[in-house]
Amino acid sequence: MTRVIHSKALASGGIFMCISAALHVFAILVAGFYVSAILLLLVGLPYAAIARSLMSGSELWAKASLFIMAAGIPAALLMIWLHAAVPRWWLWPIVWADVGVFLSLGLYVWRR
């Protein structure tokens, strides 16, 4: 049973990470070529690679992704607070996707 929980937590973390990566990458379409949007693009590309790794069942990035999300959530909230070029209605789904990754991988690491 715990093996099933582990694989589901890892896969759901990968799905949330994939959603977060897509939101990061496509923020440039919503905001234009501003510094904050370009930074989100540069963050989103490695997120996509990590998401692929997590969805394939690789445990390599599980703990590292947990710490990345622990830093990414406050960074996105800071962008909302500072009124970055990326609109708030685009940043809030990024925050929620990052929280989903954090909770899924937290369950994976905690149950391990």
Foldseek 3Di string as FASTA:
>chain_A
DLVVLLLVLLQQLLVLLQVLLVLLQCLCVVQPPDPSSVVSNVVSVVSNVVSVCSNVPHPPCLVVLLVVLVVVLVVLVVCQVVVHSRDPVSSVSSNVSSVSSNVSSVVNVVSD
